[in-house]
Amino acid sequence: MLNESYELAAGGVIYRPKSFRFRVPGFEIVDYNFRFTLDGQFEETYSTNIQPWNTVDVELYADYAEGRPLSIGEISV
């Protein structure tokens, strides 16, 4: 379980690399729940399984996510 806080300026980016078991095919696929809290007020949960070819992507105050301070999705390669 990770419990980390970050302070970001406009345009800031945080990247956390995957551990080895998530970068190599063949390891057990396990479901994970991500819980994001923004400014101590807005919370959103995102569930997925982490595999070598997907990454969870979070954007704060994205222009296209009108009315939603968090935009959470996955990127697959």
Protein backbone atom coordinates (compact mmCIF):
# COMPACT_ATOMS: atom_id res chain seq x y z
CA MET A 1 0.00 0.00 0.00
CA LEU A 2 1.31 3.39 -0.96
CA ASN A 3 0.23 6.53 0.81
CA GLU A 4 1.95 9.53 -0.68
CA SER A 5 1.19 13.23 -0.94
CA TYR A 6 2.44 15.59 -3.62
CA GLU A 7 2.24 19.33 -4.16
CA LEU A 8 2.18 20.17 -7.85
CA ALA A 9 2.48 23.48 -9.61
CA ALA A 10 0.57 24.10 -12.84
CA GLY A 11 1.84 21.70 -15.50
CA GLY A 12 3.59 19.50 -12.91
CA VAL A 13 4.05 15.78 -13.58
CA ILE A 14 4.70 12.81 -11.30
CA TYR A 15 5.77 9.45 -12.66
CA ARG A 16 6.20 6.34 -10.55
CA PRO A 17 7.86 3.44 -12.39
CA LYS A 18 6.33 -0.03 -12.17
CA SER A 19 8.09 -2.62 -10.07
CA PHE A 20 9.74 -5.52 -11.90
CA ARG A 21 6.77 -7.89 -11.46
CA PHE A 22 4.52 -5.51 -13.40
CA ARG A 23 6.96 -5.06 -16.30
CA VAL A 24 7.47 -8.73 -17.19
CA PRO A 25 4.72 -10.90 -18.71
CA GLY A 26 3.88 -14.14 -16.93
CA PHE A 27 3.47 -12.87 -13.38
CA GLU A 28 0.12 -13.24 -11.63
CA ILE A 29 -2.43 -10.61 -12.68
CA VAL A 30 -3.97 -9.04 -9.58
CA ASP A 31 -6.72 -6.42 -9.28
CA TYR A 32 -5.72 -3.13 -7.68
CA ASN A 33 -7.74 -0.23 -6.33
CA PHE A 34 -6.34 3.27 -6.57
CA ARG A 35 -7.84 5.96 -4.36
CA PHE A 36 -7.05 9.56 -5.15
CA THR A 37 -7.82 12.47 -2.85
CA LEU A 38 -7.48 16.00 -4.22
CA ASP A 39 -7.07 18.97 -1.88
CA GLY A 40 -8.44 16.85 0.99
CA GLN A 41 -11.95 17.22 -0.46
CA PHE A 42 -12.56 15.32 -3.67
CA GLU A 43 -12.03 11.55 -3.74
CA GLU A 44 -12.21 9.10 -6.61
CA THR A 45 -11.43 5.38 -6.80
CA TYR A 46 -10.22 3.52 -9.87
CA SER A 47 -9.99 -0.29 -10.10
CA THR A 48 -7.90 -2.21 -12.64
CA ASN A 49 -5.33 -4.95 -12.94
CA ILE A 50 -1.76 -3.91 -13.65
CA GLN A 51 -0.01 -5.64 -16.52
CA PRO A 52 3.17 -4.94 -18.51
CA TRP A 53 1.22 -3.14 -21.25
CA ASN A 54 -1.02 -0.77 -19.26
CA THR A 55 -0.46 2.30 -17.09
CA VAL A 56 -2.90 4.23 -14.91
CA ASP A 57 -2.97 7.89 -15.94
CA VAL A 58 -4.37 10.68 -13.74
CA GLU A 59 -4.88 14.28 -14.82
CA LEU A 60 -5.87 17.12 -12.54
CA TYR A 61 -8.27 19.75 -13.80
CA ALA A 62 -8.08 18.56 -17.42
CA ASP A 63 -9.71 21.00 -19.86
CA TYR A 64 -11.84 18.27 -21.46
CA ALA A 65 -13.09 16.87 -18.11
CA GLU A 66 -15.34 19.83 -17.40
CA GLY A 67 -16.78 19.81 -13.88
CA ARG A 68 -14.48 16.99 -12.76
CA PRO A 69 -11.22 17.85 -11.00
CA LEU A 70 -9.77 14.34 -11.57
CA SER A 71 -9.62 12.46 -14.85
CA ILE A 72 -8.48 8.84 -14.39
CA GLY A 73 -7.93 6.32 -17.16
CA GLU A 74 -5.51 3.79 -18.59
CA ILE A 75 -2.98 3.93 -21.34
CA SER A 76 -2.13 0.67 -23.11
CA VAL A 77 0.88 0.12 -25.33
